C-alpha atoms as a PDB file:
ATOM      1  CA  UNK A   1     -31.751 -42.975  14.650  1.00  0.00           C
ATOM      2  CA  UNK A   2     -31.075 -46.855  14.818  1.00  0.00           C
ATOM      3  CA  UNK A   3     -28.894 -48.921  17.275  1.00  0.00           C
ATOM      4  CA  UNK A   4     -25.826 -50.163  15.560  1.00  0.00           C
ATOM      5  CA  UNK A   5     -25.576 -53.784  15.823  1.00  0.00           C
ATOM      6  CA  UNK A   6     -21.947 -53.874  17.258  1.00  0.00           C
ATOM      7  CA  UNK A   7     -21.035 -56.081  20.139  1.00  0.00           C
ATOM      8  CA  UNK A   8     -20.648 -52.855  22.204  1.00  0.00           C
ATOM      9  CA  UNK A   9     -23.834 -51.145  21.313  1.00  0.00           C
ATOM     10  CA  UNK A  10     -25.877 -53.916  22.650  1.00  0.00           C
ATOM     11  CA  UNK A  11     -25.033 -52.606  26.142  1.00  0.00           C
ATOM     12  CA  UNK A  12     -26.471 -49.258  25.329  1.00  0.00           C
ATOM     13  CA  UNK A  13     -30.028 -49.586  23.855  1.00  0.00           C
ATOM     14  CA  UNK A  14     -32.291 -46.525  24.330  1.00  0.00           C
ATOM     15  CA  UNK A  15     -33.669 -44.711  27.271  1.00  0.00           C
ATOM     16  CA  UNK A  16     -35.599 -46.703  29.757  1.00  0.00           C
ATOM     17  CA  UNK A  17     -38.486 -46.314  31.927  1.00  0.00           C
ATOM     18  CA  UNK A  18     -39.155 -42.780  33.407  1.00  0.00           C
ATOM     19  CA  UNK A  19     -39.016 -42.622  37.045  1.00  0.00           C
ATOM     20  CA  UNK A  20     -40.497 -40.106  39.472  1.00  0.00           C
ATOM     21  CA  UNK A  21     -37.573 -39.010  41.606  1.00  0.00           C
ATOM     22  CA  UNK A  22     -35.863 -37.532  38.409  1.00  0.00           C
ATOM     23  CA  UNK A  23     -38.014 -34.605  38.916  1.00  0.00           C
ATOM     24  CA  UNK A  24     -36.489 -31.845  40.995  1.00  0.00           C
ATOM     25  CA  UNK A  25     -39.826 -31.066  42.713  1.00  0.00           C
ATOM     26  CA  UNK A  26     -40.702 -34.701  43.099  1.00  0.00           C
ATOM     27  CA  UNK A  27     -43.063 -35.652  45.974  1.00  0.00           C
ATOM     28  CA  UNK A  28     -43.314 -39.066  47.566  1.00  0.00           C
ATOM     29  CA  UNK A  29     -46.278 -41.149  46.669  1.00  0.00           C
ATOM     30  CA  UNK A  30     -47.597 -40.500  50.313  1.00  0.00           C
ATOM     31  CA  UNK A  31     -47.637 -36.823  49.810  1.00  0.00           C
ATOM     32  CA  UNK A  32     -51.134 -34.998  49.361  1.00  0.00           C
ATOM     33  CA  UNK A  33     -49.818 -33.393  46.260  1.00  0.00           C
ATOM     34  CA  UNK A  34     -49.359 -35.391  43.035  1.00  0.00           C
ATOM     35  CA  UNK A  35     -45.758 -35.625  41.679  1.00  0.00           C
ATOM     36  CA  UNK A  36     -45.408 -33.084  39.139  1.00  0.00           C
ATOM     37  CA  UNK A  37     -42.300 -32.029  37.035  1.00  0.00           C
ATOM     38  CA  UNK A  38     -42.804 -29.331  34.495  1.00  0.00           C
ATOM     39  CA  UNK A  39     -40.902 -29.025  31.269  1.00  0.00           C
ATOM     40  CA  UNK A  40     -40.345 -25.917  28.912  1.00  0.00           C
ATOM     41  CA  UNK A  41     -43.373 -23.560  29.127  1.00  0.00           C
ATOM     42  CA  UNK A  42     -46.493 -25.245  27.634  1.00  0.00           C
ATOM     43  CA  UNK A  43     -44.854 -28.137  26.232  1.00  0.00           C
ATOM     44  CA  UNK A  44     -44.634 -31.272  28.682  1.00  0.00           C
ATOM     45  CA  UNK A  45     -45.343 -32.195  32.181  1.00  0.00           C
ATOM     46  CA  UNK A  46     -44.216 -35.371  33.872  1.00  0.00           C
ATOM     47  CA  UNK A  47     -46.918 -37.081  35.968  1.00  0.00           C
ATOM     48  CA  UNK A  48     -47.620 -40.637  37.161  1.00  0.00           C
ATOM     49  CA  UNK A  49     -48.741 -43.281  34.734  1.00  0.00           C
ATOM     50  CA  UNK A  50     -50.491 -46.695  35.009  1.00  0.00           C
ATOM     51  CA  UNK A  51     -47.863 -49.200  35.934  1.00  0.00           C
ATOM     52  CA  UNK A  52     -44.878 -47.115  34.335  1.00  0.00           C
ATOM     53  CA  UNK A  53     -43.747 -44.864  36.982  1.00  0.00           C
ATOM     54  CA  UNK A  54     -44.126 -41.493  35.592  1.00  0.00           C
ATOM     55  CA  UNK A  55     -44.561 -40.632  32.023  1.00  0.00           C
ATOM     56  CA  UNK A  56     -44.193 -37.251  30.037  1.00  0.00           C
ATOM     57  CA  UNK A  57     -47.187 -35.835  28.733  1.00  0.00           C
ATOM     58  CA  UNK A  58     -48.120 -32.896  26.235  1.00  0.00           C
ATOM     59  CA  UNK A  59     -49.520 -29.801  28.053  1.00  0.00           C
ATOM     60  CA  UNK A  60     -50.859 -28.518  24.659  1.00  0.00           C
ATOM     61  CA  UNK A  61     -51.325 -29.948  20.768  1.00  0.00           C
ATOM     62  CA  UNK A  62     -48.073 -30.269  18.960  1.00  0.00           C
ATOM     63  CA  UNK A  63     -47.654 -30.498  15.283  1.00  0.00           C
ATOM     64  CA  UNK A  64     -45.303 -32.687  13.385  1.00  0.00           C
ATOM     65  CA  UNK A  65     -41.717 -31.403  14.052  1.00  0.00           C
ATOM     66  CA  UNK A  66     -42.485 -29.437  17.109  1.00  0.00           C
ATOM     67  CA  UNK A  67     -39.466 -29.713  19.700  1.00  0.00           C
ATOM     68  CA  UNK A  68     -40.569 -31.611  22.924  1.00  0.00           C
ATOM     69  CA  UNK A  69     -36.897 -31.618  24.557  1.00  0.00           C
ATOM     70  CA  UNK A  70     -33.448 -30.439  24.145  1.00  0.00           C
ATOM     71  CA  UNK A  71     -31.057 -31.801  26.524  1.00  0.00           C
ATOM     72  CA  UNK A  72     -27.207 -31.842  26.873  1.00  0.00           C
ATOM     73  CA  UNK A  73     -25.741 -35.181  28.286  1.00  0.00           C
ATOM     74  CA  UNK A  74     -24.703 -35.279  32.032  1.00  0.00           C
ATOM     75  CA  UNK A  75     -22.403 -38.163  31.289  1.00  0.00           C
ATOM     76  CA  UNK A  76     -20.756 -39.235  28.114  1.00  0.00           C
ATOM     77  CA  UNK A  77     -18.284 -42.124  27.542  1.00  0.00           C
ATOM     78  CA  UNK A  78     -16.264 -42.856  24.276  1.00  0.00           C
ATOM     79  CA  UNK A  79     -16.824 -46.021  22.520  1.00  0.00           C
ATOM     80  CA  UNK A  80     -12.934 -46.398  21.874  1.00  0.00           C
ATOM     81  CA  UNK A  81     -12.432 -46.558  25.562  1.00  0.00           C
ATOM     82  CA  UNK A  82     -14.487 -49.919  25.689  1.00  0.00           C
ATOM     83  CA  UNK A  83     -12.592 -52.911  24.600  1.00  0.00           C
ATOM     84  CA  UNK A  84     -14.298 -55.186  22.112  1.00  0.00           C
ATOM     85  CA  UNK A  85     -14.575 -58.867  23.481  1.00  0.00           C
ATOM     86  CA  UNK A  86     -13.980 -57.908  26.993  1.00  0.00           C
ATOM     87  CA  UNK A  87     -14.795 -60.662  29.495  1.00  0.00           C
ATOM     88  CA  UNK A  88     -16.453 -58.141  31.795  1.00  0.00           C
ATOM     89  CA  UNK A  89     -17.885 -55.323  29.733  1.00  0.00           C
ATOM     90  CA  UNK A  90     -19.908 -53.985  32.276  1.00  0.00           C
ATOM     91  CA  UNK A  91     -17.194 -53.689  34.841  1.00  0.00           C
ATOM     92  CA  UNK A  92     -15.355 -51.335  32.205  1.00  0.00           C
ATOM     93  CA  UNK A  93     -18.690 -49.337  31.746  1.00  0.00           C
ATOM     94  CA  UNK A  94     -19.279 -48.895  35.443  1.00  0.00           C
ATOM     95  CA  UNK A  95     -15.698 -47.639  36.045  1.00  0.00           C
ATOM     96  CA  UNK A  96     -15.898 -45.170  33.053  1.00  0.00           C
ATOM     97  CA  UNK A  97     -19.296 -43.919  34.396  1.00  0.00           C
ATOM     98  CA  UNK A  98     -18.278 -43.640  37.932  1.00  0.00           C
ATOM     99  CA  UNK A  99     -15.265 -41.502  36.788  1.00  0.00           C
ATOM    100  CA  UNK A 100     -17.481 -39.102  35.080  1.00  0.00           C
ATOM    101  CA  UNK A 101     -20.085 -39.316  37.883  1.00  0.00           C
ATOM    102  CA  UNK A 102     -17.527 -37.997  40.506  1.00  0.00           C
ATOM    103  CA  UNK A 103     -17.078 -34.849  38.389  1.00  0.00           C
ATOM    104  CA  UNK A 104     -20.769 -33.790  38.501  1.00  0.00           C
ATOM    105  CA  UNK A 105     -22.385 -31.255  40.748  1.00  0.00           C
ATOM    106  CA  UNK A 106     -24.485 -32.912  43.860  1.00  0.00           C
ATOM    107  CA  UNK A 107     -27.843 -31.874  42.215  1.00  0.00           C
ATOM    108  CA  UNK A 108     -26.737 -33.685  38.754  1.00  0.00           C
ATOM    109  CA  UNK A 109     -25.511 -36.778  40.731  1.00  0.00           C
ATOM    110  CA  UNK A 110     -28.790 -36.712  42.397  1.00  0.00           C
ATOM    111  CA  UNK A 111     -30.616 -36.881  39.028  1.00  0.00           C
ATOM    112  CA  UNK A 112     -28.530 -39.548  37.795  1.00  0.00           C
ATOM    113  CA  UNK A 113     -29.012 -41.768  40.896  1.00  0.00           C
ATOM    114  CA  UNK A 114     -32.917 -41.200  40.799  1.00  0.00           C
ATOM    115  CA  UNK A 115     -33.027 -42.889  37.344  1.00  0.00           C
ATOM    116  CA  UNK A 116     -34.485 -46.329  37.337  1.00  0.00           C
ATOM    117  CA  UNK A 117     -32.815 -49.396  36.181  1.00  0.00           C
ATOM    118  CA  UNK A 118     -33.194 -53.220  35.702  1.00  0.00           C
ATOM    119  CA  UNK A 119     -30.569 -55.636  36.643  1.00  0.00           C
ATOM    120  CA  UNK A 120     -30.785 -59.348  36.490  1.00  0.00           C
ATOM    121  CA  UNK A 121     -28.342 -59.970  39.379  1.00  0.00           C
ATOM    122  CA  UNK A 122     -27.548 -58.171  42.690  1.00  0.00           C
ATOM    123  CA  UNK A 123     -25.970 -54.679  42.421  1.00  0.00           C
ATOM    124  CA  UNK A 124     -23.689 -54.423  45.286  1.00  0.00           C
ATOM    125  CA  UNK A 125     -21.695 -51.043  44.903  1.00  0.00           C
ATOM    126  CA  UNK A 126     -22.282 -47.573  43.680  1.00  0.00           C
ATOM    127  CA  UNK A 127     -20.005 -48.144  40.872  1.00  0.00           C
ATOM    128  CA  UNK A 128     -22.250 -51.202  39.637  1.00  0.00           C
ATOM    129  CA  UNK A 129     -25.330 -49.185  40.274  1.00  0.00           C
ATOM    130  CA  UNK A 130     -24.045 -46.363  38.185  1.00  0.00           C
ATOM    131  CA  UNK A 131     -23.020 -48.765  35.302  1.00  0.00           C
ATOM    132  CA  UNK A 132     -26.507 -50.446  35.432  1.00  0.00           C
ATOM    133  CA  UNK A 133     -28.218 -47.105  35.236  1.00  0.00           C
ATOM    134  CA  UNK A 134     -26.073 -45.919  32.357  1.00  0.00           C
ATOM    135  CA  UNK A 135     -26.632 -49.285  30.424  1.00  0.00           C
ATOM    136  CA  UNK A 136     -30.446 -49.012  30.984  1.00  0.00           C
ATOM    137  CA  UNK A 137     -30.855 -45.357  30.087  1.00  0.00           C
ATOM    138  CA  UNK A 138     -27.877 -44.126  27.642  1.00  0.00           C
ATOM    139  CA  UNK A 139     -28.438 -43.319  24.045  1.00  0.00           C
ATOM    140  CA  UNK A 140     -25.985 -43.710  21.274  1.00  0.00           C
ATOM    141  CA  UNK A 141     -24.640 -40.477  20.198  1.00  0.00           C
ATOM    142  CA  UNK A 142     -22.063 -40.457  17.421  1.00  0.00           C
ATOM    143  CA  UNK A 143     -18.954 -42.047  18.659  1.00  0.00           C
ATOM    144  CA  UNK A 144     -19.915 -42.054  22.285  1.00  0.00           C
ATOM    145  CA  UNK A 145     -22.787 -43.093  24.654  1.00  0.00           C
ATOM    146  CA  UNK A 146     -24.666 -40.465  26.583  1.00  0.00           C
ATOM    147  CA  UNK A 147     -27.036 -40.008  29.442  1.00  0.00           C
ATOM    148  CA  UNK A 148     -29.898 -37.586  29.487  1.00  0.00           C
ATOM    149  CA  UNK A 149     -31.934 -37.591  32.757  1.00  0.00           C
ATOM    150  CA  UNK A 150     -34.972 -35.704  31.451  1.00  0.00           C
ATOM    151  CA  UNK A 151     -35.242 -37.694  28.181  1.00  0.00           C
ATOM    152  CA  UNK A 152     -34.787 -40.729  30.032  1.00  0.00           C
ATOM    153  CA  UNK A 153     -38.164 -40.067  31.523  1.00  0.00           C
ATOM    154  CA  UNK A 154     -39.918 -40.602  28.233  1.00  0.00           C
ATOM    155  CA  UNK A 155     -41.535 -44.181  28.161  1.00  0.00           C
ATOM    156  CA  UNK A 156     -41.312 -46.821  25.383  1.00  0.00           C
ATOM    157  CA  UNK A 157     -43.871 -47.366  22.694  1.00  0.00           C
ATOM    158  CA  UNK A 158     -43.595 -49.767  19.723  1.00  0.00           C
ATOM    159  CA  UNK A 159     -45.491 -47.141  17.608  1.00  0.00           C
ATOM    160  CA  UNK A 160     -43.834 -43.968  19.160  1.00  0.00           C
ATOM    161  CA  UNK A 161     -45.155 -40.517  18.593  1.00  0.00           C
ATOM    162  CA  UNK A 162     -41.760 -38.721  18.968  1.00  0.00           C
ATOM    163  CA  UNK A 163     -38.401 -39.145  17.119  1.00  0.00           C
ATOM    164  CA  UNK A 164     -34.914 -37.730  18.194  1.00  0.00           C
ATOM    165  CA  UNK A 165     -31.501 -36.858  16.924  1.00  0.00           C
ATOM    166  CA  UNK A 166     -28.018 -36.071  18.272  1.00  0.00           C
ATOM    167  CA  UNK A 167     -26.642 -32.771  17.451  1.00  0.00           C
ATOM    168  CA  UNK A 168     -22.742 -32.685  17.859  1.00  0.00           C
ATOM    169  CA  UNK A 169     -22.751 -28.907  17.083  1.00  0.00           C
ATOM    170  CA  UNK A 170     -25.393 -28.019  19.756  1.00  0.00           C
ATOM    171  CA  UNK A 171     -24.068 -30.841  22.251  1.00  0.00           C
ATOM    172  CA  UNK A 172     -27.719 -31.557  22.686  1.00  0.00           C
ATOM    173  CA  UNK A 173     -30.231 -34.669  22.069  1.00  0.00           C
ATOM    174  CA  UNK A 174     -33.443 -33.151  20.473  1.00  0.00           C
ATOM    175  CA  UNK A 175     -36.862 -34.866  20.857  1.00  0.00           C
ATOM    176  CA  UNK A 176     -39.625 -33.780  18.387  1.00  0.00           C
ATOM    177  CA  UNK A 177     -43.023 -34.797  17.536  1.00  0.00           C
ATOM    178  CA  UNK A 178     -43.070 -37.350  14.803  1.00  0.00           C
ATOM    179  CA  UNK A 179     -46.872 -36.928  14.216  1.00  0.00           C
ATOM    180  CA  UNK A 180     -49.595 -34.812  15.588  1.00  0.00           C
ATOM    181  CA  UNK A 181     -49.955 -34.916  19.234  1.00  0.00           C
ATOM    182  CA  UNK A 182     -53.002 -33.855  21.300  1.00  0.00           C
ATOM    183  CA  UNK A 183     -52.713 -32.200  24.727  1.00  0.00           C
ATOM    184  CA  UNK A 184     -52.800 -34.728  27.602  1.00  0.00           C
ATOM    185  CA  UNK A 185     -51.289 -37.359  25.275  1.00  0.00           C
ATOM    186  CA  UNK A 186     -48.194 -39.264  26.448  1.00  0.00           C
ATOM    187  CA  UNK A 187     -45.047 -38.710  24.818  1.00  0.00           C
ATOM    188  CA  UNK A 188     -43.186 -41.978  23.772  1.00  0.00           C
ATOM    189  CA  UNK A 189     -40.001 -43.090  21.989  1.00  0.00           C
ATOM    190  CA  UNK A 190     -38.629 -46.461  20.917  1.00  0.00           C
ATOM    191  CA  UNK A 191     -35.932 -48.351  22.836  1.00  0.00           C
ATOM    192  CA  UNK A 192     -35.573 -51.169  20.170  1.00  0.00           C
ATOM    193  CA  UNK A 193     -35.887 -51.789  16.465  1.00  0.00           C
ATOM    194  CA  UNK A 194     -39.471 -51.794  15.575  1.00  0.00           C
ATOM    195  CA  UNK A 195     -39.403 -54.038  12.427  1.00  0.00           C
ATOM    196  CA  UNK A 196     -40.041 -57.243  14.529  1.00  0.00           C
ATOM    197  CA  UNK A 197     -43.031 -59.259  15.464  1.00  0.00           C
ATOM    198  CA  UNK A 198     -44.429 -58.479  18.988  1.00  0.00           C
ATOM    199  CA  UNK A 199     -42.900 -61.555  20.632  1.00  0.00           C
ATOM    200  CA  UNK A 200     -39.401 -60.707  19.338  1.00  0.00           C
ATOM    201  CA  UNK A 201     -39.700 -57.011  20.347  1.00  0.00           C
ATOM    202  CA  UNK A 202     -40.767 -58.217  23.870  1.00  0.00           C
ATOM    203  CA  UNK A 203     -37.650 -60.287  24.115  1.00  0.00           C
ATOM    204  CA  UNK A 204     -35.462 -57.211  23.581  1.00  0.00           C
ATOM    205  CA  UNK A 205     -37.597 -55.122  26.002  1.00  0.00           C
ATOM    206  CA  UNK A 206     -37.068 -57.731  28.751  1.00  0.00           C
ATOM    207  CA  UNK A 207     -33.638 -56.433  29.530  1.00  0.00           C
ATOM    208  CA  UNK A 208     -35.746 -53.331  30.839  1.00  0.00           C
ATOM    209  CA  UNK A 209     -37.736 -55.383  33.140  1.00  0.00           C
ATOM    210  CA  UNK A 210     -41.216 -54.606  31.892  1.00  0.00           C
ATOM    211  CA  UNK A 211     -43.883 -56.163  29.544  1.00  0.00           C
ATOM    212  CA  UNK A 212     -44.853 -53.636  26.835  1.00  0.00           C
ATOM    213  CA  UNK A 213     -48.490 -52.684  26.756  1.00  0.00           C
ATOM    214  CA  UNK A 214     -48.394 -49.992  24.272  1.00  0.00           C
ATOM    215  CA  UNK A 215     -51.245 -49.650  21.640  1.00  0.00           C
ATOM    216  CA  UNK A 216     -49.430 -51.965  19.160  1.00  0.00           C
ATOM    217  CA  UNK A 217     -48.597 -54.731  21.671  1.00  0.00           C
ATOM    218  CA  UNK A 218     -52.178 -54.428  23.417  1.00  0.00           C
ATOM    219  CA  UNK A 219     -54.143 -55.115  20.145  1.00  0.00           C
ATOM    220  CA  UNK A 220     -56.292 -58.338  20.004  1.00  0.00           C
ATOM    221  CA  UNK A 221     -54.808 -61.387  18.384  1.00  0.00           C
ATOM    222  CA  UNK A 222     -56.205 -60.638  14.694  1.00  0.00           C
ATOM    223  CA  UNK A 223     -54.995 -57.090  14.661  1.00  0.00           C
ATOM    224  CA  UNK A 224     -51.715 -57.951  16.339  1.00  0.00           C
ATOM    225  CA  UNK A 225     -50.810 -60.704  13.725  1.00  0.00           C
ATOM    226  CA  UNK A 226     -51.809 -58.345  11.035  1.00  0.00           C
ATOM    227  CA  UNK A 227     -49.372 -55.683  12.519  1.00  0.00           C
ATOM    228  CA  UNK A 228     -46.652 -58.324  12.808  1.00  0.00           C
ATOM    229  CA  UNK A 229     -46.986 -59.385   9.433  1.00  0.00           C
ATOM    230  CA  UNK A 230     -46.735 -55.757   8.108  1.00  0.00           C
ATOM    231  CA  UNK A 231     -43.547 -55.249  10.192  1.00  0.00           C
ATOM    232  CA  UNK A 232     -41.765 -58.369   8.862  1.00  0.00           C
ATOM    233  CA  UNK A 233     -42.946 -57.491   5.493  1.00  0.00           C
ATOM    234  CA  UNK A 234     -41.484 -53.920   5.958  1.00  0.00           C
ATOM    235  CA  UNK A 235     -38.288 -55.388   7.060  1.00  0.00           C
ATOM    236  CA  UNK A 236     -37.836 -57.864   4.189  1.00  0.00           C
ATOM    237  CA  UNK A 237     -38.682 -55.184   1.670  1.00  0.00           C
ATOM    238  CA  UNK A 238     -36.173 -52.781   3.106  1.00  0.00           C
ATOM    239  CA  UNK A 239     -33.403 -55.515   2.744  1.00  0.00           C
ATOM    240  CA  UNK A 240     -34.281 -56.232  -0.779  1.00  0.00           C
ATOM    241  CA  UNK A 241     -34.463 -52.777  -1.853  1.00  0.00           C
ATOM    242  CA  UNK A 242     -31.291 -51.972  -0.229  1.00  0.00           C
ATOM    243  CA  UNK A 243     -29.350 -54.402  -2.301  1.00  0.00           C
ATOM    244  CA  UNK A 244     -31.092 -53.371  -5.610  1.00  0.00           C
ATOM    245  CA  UNK A 245     -31.019 -49.493  -5.708  1.00  0.00           C
ATOM    246  CA  UNK A 246     -27.590 -49.128  -6.652  1.00  0.00           C
ATOM    247  CA  UNK A 247     -27.704 -51.133  -9.753  1.00  0.00           C
ATOM    248  CA  UNK A 248     -27.468 -49.625 -13.300  1.00  0.00           C
ATOM    249  CA  UNK A 249     -30.658 -48.243 -14.908  1.00  0.00           C
ATOM    250  CA  UNK A 250     -32.701 -50.797 -16.950  1.00  0.00           C
ATOM    251  CA  UNK A 251     -31.591 -51.372 -20.520  1.00  0.00           C
ATOM    252  CA  UNK A 252     -33.552 -54.397 -21.855  1.00  0.00           C
ATOM    253  CA  UNK A 253     -37.361 -54.707 -21.966  1.00  0.00           C
ATOM    254  CA  UNK A 254     -37.426 -57.154 -19.383  1.00  0.00           C
ATOM    255  CA  UNK A 255     -35.313 -55.004 -17.099  1.00  0.00           C
ATOM    256  CA  UNK A 256     -37.594 -51.914 -17.583  1.00  0.00           C
ATOM    257  CA  UNK A 257     -40.537 -54.310 -16.775  1.00  0.00           C
ATOM    258  CA  UNK A 258     -38.640 -55.337 -13.626  1.00  0.00           C
ATOM    259  CA  UNK A 259     -38.004 -51.763 -12.745  1.00  0.00           C
ATOM    260  CA  UNK A 260     -41.661 -50.880 -13.124  1.00  0.00           C
ATOM    261  CA  UNK A 261     -42.776 -53.602 -10.914  1.00  0.00           C
ATOM    262  CA  UNK A 262     -40.108 -52.723  -8.228  1.00  0.00           C
ATOM    263  CA  UNK A 263     -41.731 -49.057  -8.342  1.00  0.00           C
ATOM    264  CA  UNK A 264     -45.114 -50.428  -7.587  1.00  0.00           C
ATOM    265  CA  UNK A 265     -43.722 -52.386  -4.868  1.00  0.00           C
ATOM    266  CA  UNK A 266     -41.779 -49.415  -3.401  1.00  0.00           C
ATOM    267  CA  UNK A 267     -45.139 -47.426  -3.254  1.00  0.00           C
ATOM    268  CA  UNK A 268     -46.991 -50.378  -1.379  1.00  0.00           C
ATOM    269  CA  UNK A 269     -43.807 -50.375   1.003  1.00  0.00           C
ATOM    270  CA  UNK A 270     -44.415 -46.825   1.779  1.00  0.00           C
ATOM    271  CA  UNK A 271     -48.035 -47.307   2.210  1.00  0.00           C
ATOM    272  CA  UNK A 272     -47.301 -50.304   4.672  1.00  0.00           C
ATOM    273  CA  UNK A 273     -44.978 -48.176   7.002  1.00  0.00           C
ATOM    274  CA  UNK A 274     -47.589 -45.454   7.033  1.00  0.00           C
ATOM    275  CA  UNK A 275     -50.411 -47.927   7.782  1.00  0.00           C
ATOM    276  CA  UNK A 276     -48.195 -49.276  10.497  1.00  0.00           C
ATOM    277  CA  UNK A 277     -47.483 -45.810  12.056  1.00  0.00           C
ATOM    278  CA  UNK A 278     -43.783 -46.299  12.054  1.00  0.00           C
ATOM    279  CA  UNK A 279     -42.913 -42.525  11.528  1.00  0.00           C
ATOM    280  CA  UNK A 280     -39.171 -43.323  12.113  1.00  0.00           C
ATOM    281  CA  UNK A 281     -39.236 -45.241   8.747  1.00  0.00           C
ATOM    282  CA  UNK A 282     -41.093 -42.761   6.676  1.00  0.00           C
ATOM    283  CA  UNK A 283     -38.142 -41.103   5.093  1.00  0.00           C
ATOM    284  CA  UNK A 284     -36.302 -44.259   4.433  1.00  0.00           C
ATOM    285  CA  UNK A 285     -39.225 -45.823   2.411  1.00  0.00           C
ATOM    286  CA  UNK A 286     -39.701 -42.405   0.665  1.00  0.00           C
ATOM    287  CA  UNK A 287     -36.201 -42.335  -0.460  1.00  0.00           C
ATOM    288  CA  UNK A 288     -36.717 -46.135  -1.806  1.00  0.00           C
ATOM    289  CA  UNK A 289     -39.578 -44.889  -3.829  1.00  0.00           C
ATOM    290  CA  UNK A 290     -37.826 -41.791  -5.262  1.00  0.00           C
ATOM    291  CA  UNK A 291     -34.914 -43.988  -6.317  1.00  0.00           C
ATOM    292  CA  UNK A 292     -37.332 -46.521  -7.853  1.00  0.00           C
ATOM    293  CA  UNK A 293     -39.018 -44.060 -10.026  1.00  0.00           C
ATOM    294  CA  UNK A 294     -35.746 -42.390 -10.982  1.00  0.00           C
ATOM    295  CA  UNK A 295     -34.632 -45.680 -12.471  1.00  0.00           C
ATOM    296  CA  UNK A 296     -37.700 -45.279 -14.821  1.00  0.00           C
ATOM    297  CA  UNK A 297     -36.761 -41.714 -15.482  1.00  0.00           C
ATOM    298  CA  UNK A 298     -40.250 -40.942 -14.130  1.00  0.00           C
ATOM    299  CA  UNK A 299     -38.777 -37.475 -12.814  1.00  0.00           C
ATOM    300  CA  UNK A 300     -41.978 -36.203 -11.565  1.00  0.00           C
ATOM    301  CA  UNK A 301     -42.790 -38.911  -9.280  1.00  0.00           C
ATOM    302  CA  UNK A 302     -38.931 -39.240  -8.164  1.00  0.00           C
ATOM    303  CA  UNK A 303     -39.141 -35.474  -7.309  1.00  0.00           C
ATOM    304  CA  UNK A 304     -42.273 -35.622  -5.305  1.00  0.00           C
ATOM    305  CA  UNK A 305     -41.188 -38.785  -3.239  1.00  0.00           C
ATOM    306  CA  UNK A 306     -37.680 -37.456  -2.922  1.00  0.00           C
ATOM    307  CA  UNK A 307     -38.914 -33.958  -1.616  1.00  0.00           C
ATOM    308  CA  UNK A 308     -41.193 -35.856   0.842  1.00  0.00           C
ATOM    309  CA  UNK A 309     -38.019 -37.585   2.329  1.00  0.00           C
ATOM    310  CA  UNK A 310     -36.068 -34.321   2.220  1.00  0.00           C
ATOM    311  CA  UNK A 311     -38.662 -32.603   4.372  1.00  0.00           C
ATOM    312  CA  UNK A 312     -38.534 -35.347   6.788  1.00  0.00           C
ATOM    313  CA  UNK A 313     -34.983 -35.590   6.986  1.00  0.00           C
ATOM    314  CA  UNK A 314     -34.673 -31.837   7.577  1.00  0.00           C
ATOM    315  CA  UNK A 315     -36.930 -31.868  10.378  1.00  0.00           C
ATOM    316  CA  UNK A 316     -34.986 -34.665  11.904  1.00  0.00           C
ATOM    317  CA  UNK A 317     -31.761 -32.881  11.616  1.00  0.00           C
ATOM    318  CA  UNK A 318     -31.033 -30.136   9.148  1.00  0.00           C
ATOM    319  CA  UNK A 319     -27.284 -30.883   9.085  1.00  0.00           C
ATOM    320  CA  UNK A 320     -27.295 -34.673   8.697  1.00  0.00           C
ATOM    321  CA  UNK A 321     -25.769 -36.419   5.705  1.00  0.00           C
ATOM    322  CA  UNK A 322     -29.297 -38.023   5.071  1.00  0.00           C
ATOM    323  CA  UNK A 323     -30.582 -34.688   4.639  1.00  0.00           C
ATOM    324  CA  UNK A 324     -27.803 -33.468   2.535  1.00  0.00           C
ATOM    325  CA  UNK A 325     -28.235 -36.573   0.234  1.00  0.00           C
ATOM    326  CA  UNK A 326     -32.131 -35.986  -0.148  1.00  0.00           C
ATOM    327  CA  UNK A 327     -31.460 -32.235  -0.838  1.00  0.00           C
ATOM    328  CA  UNK A 328     -29.189 -33.036  -3.686  1.00  0.00           C
ATOM    329  CA  UNK A 329     -31.409 -36.037  -4.991  1.00  0.00           C
ATOM    330  CA  UNK A 330     -34.346 -33.491  -5.019  1.00  0.00           C
ATOM    331  CA  UNK A 331     -32.535 -30.859  -6.844  1.00  0.00           C
ATOM    332  CA  UNK A 332     -31.184 -33.302  -9.354  1.00  0.00           C
ATOM    333  CA  UNK A 333     -34.610 -34.927 -10.041  1.00  0.00           C
ATOM    334  CA  UNK A 334     -36.334 -31.247 -10.353  1.00  0.00           C
ATOM    335  CA  UNK A 335     -33.485 -30.513 -12.952  1.00  0.00           C
ATOM    336  CA  UNK A 336     -34.171 -33.654 -14.853  1.00  0.00           C
ATOM    337  CA  UNK A 337     -37.942 -33.160 -14.814  1.00  0.00           C
ATOM    338  CA  UNK A 338     -37.523 -29.566 -16.103  1.00  0.00           C
ATOM    339  CA  UNK A 339     -35.364 -30.861 -18.995  1.00  0.00           C
ATOM    340  CA  UNK A 340     -37.881 -33.588 -19.630  1.00  0.00           C
ATOM    341  CA  UNK A 341     -40.865 -31.047 -19.835  1.00  0.00           C
ATOM    342  CA  UNK A 342     -38.711 -28.752 -22.096  1.00  0.00           C
ATOM    343  CA  UNK A 343     -37.924 -31.610 -24.582  1.00  0.00           C
ATOM    344  CA  UNK A 344     -41.834 -32.481 -24.709  1.00  0.00           C
ATOM    345  CA  UNK A 345     -42.742 -29.015 -25.552  1.00  0.00           C
END
């Protein structure tokens, strides 16, 4: 899922730093016991991290697609209630959140108030505090913004090992493993777009009040520059392909040659995304490769890549339009491949 670049959405990036007091059985730092908050059986545990408050850690090995968390929102506010171009949008957010907060149970209110937040200025009232907590921790969920206290404990990484999606039918935000995760490894999500250089990513993360020290940002200079180049190349390639994929199939020899080169470049794009470990973008890249080979009527390759994208989209959200699209494309390409094989025989 990506943050939509609207004037309102900027106030609701992704969930923010985990904080120990969100755990119902939290102990203070002076307590002899370690602060511990257990998740569903054998899935996750919340424990202290180096310089990041609490983090969410795997209690067992997880495979790609395994569920980490499912959580319903404690507070949701509608986009339509926020006036675009408002001189003081945070005041409107604070009022809407405060109105919702007052209807929560005492235990739910305690969970919300325990979440960490970062403010540039002074926060004087409970309403302002709640608005800042919400801005720092809320997720975009369809036509609303939603707050999930447990999911908000998951820390950021520029090379995350989990992804998530919102299910309107289940009224739940679902976090799942986007790659294999070992027991003891910290779960991470991304709060920002990842197709940026490290310096630009950090500028976006400044609104959370921390300097990112994830594996991608902590690399030595040479490796960091190579990573930056890959991410910028990936972003530019996505932009170029998005404007080309809907064009008519090639007819002239020159157009066919261009399409062939584009297919080669699309495979290189998928390889770059994989090399950078950006699992959130795998399905998008695989779709581009599938469509590129379909232009050449190479139905075998188109089917292979479309099926890869379909499996990832189905894992992300079985009912999403993206999943339905890839199911239809895969079925179409299989049919055309079968027809092509029949014609050859």
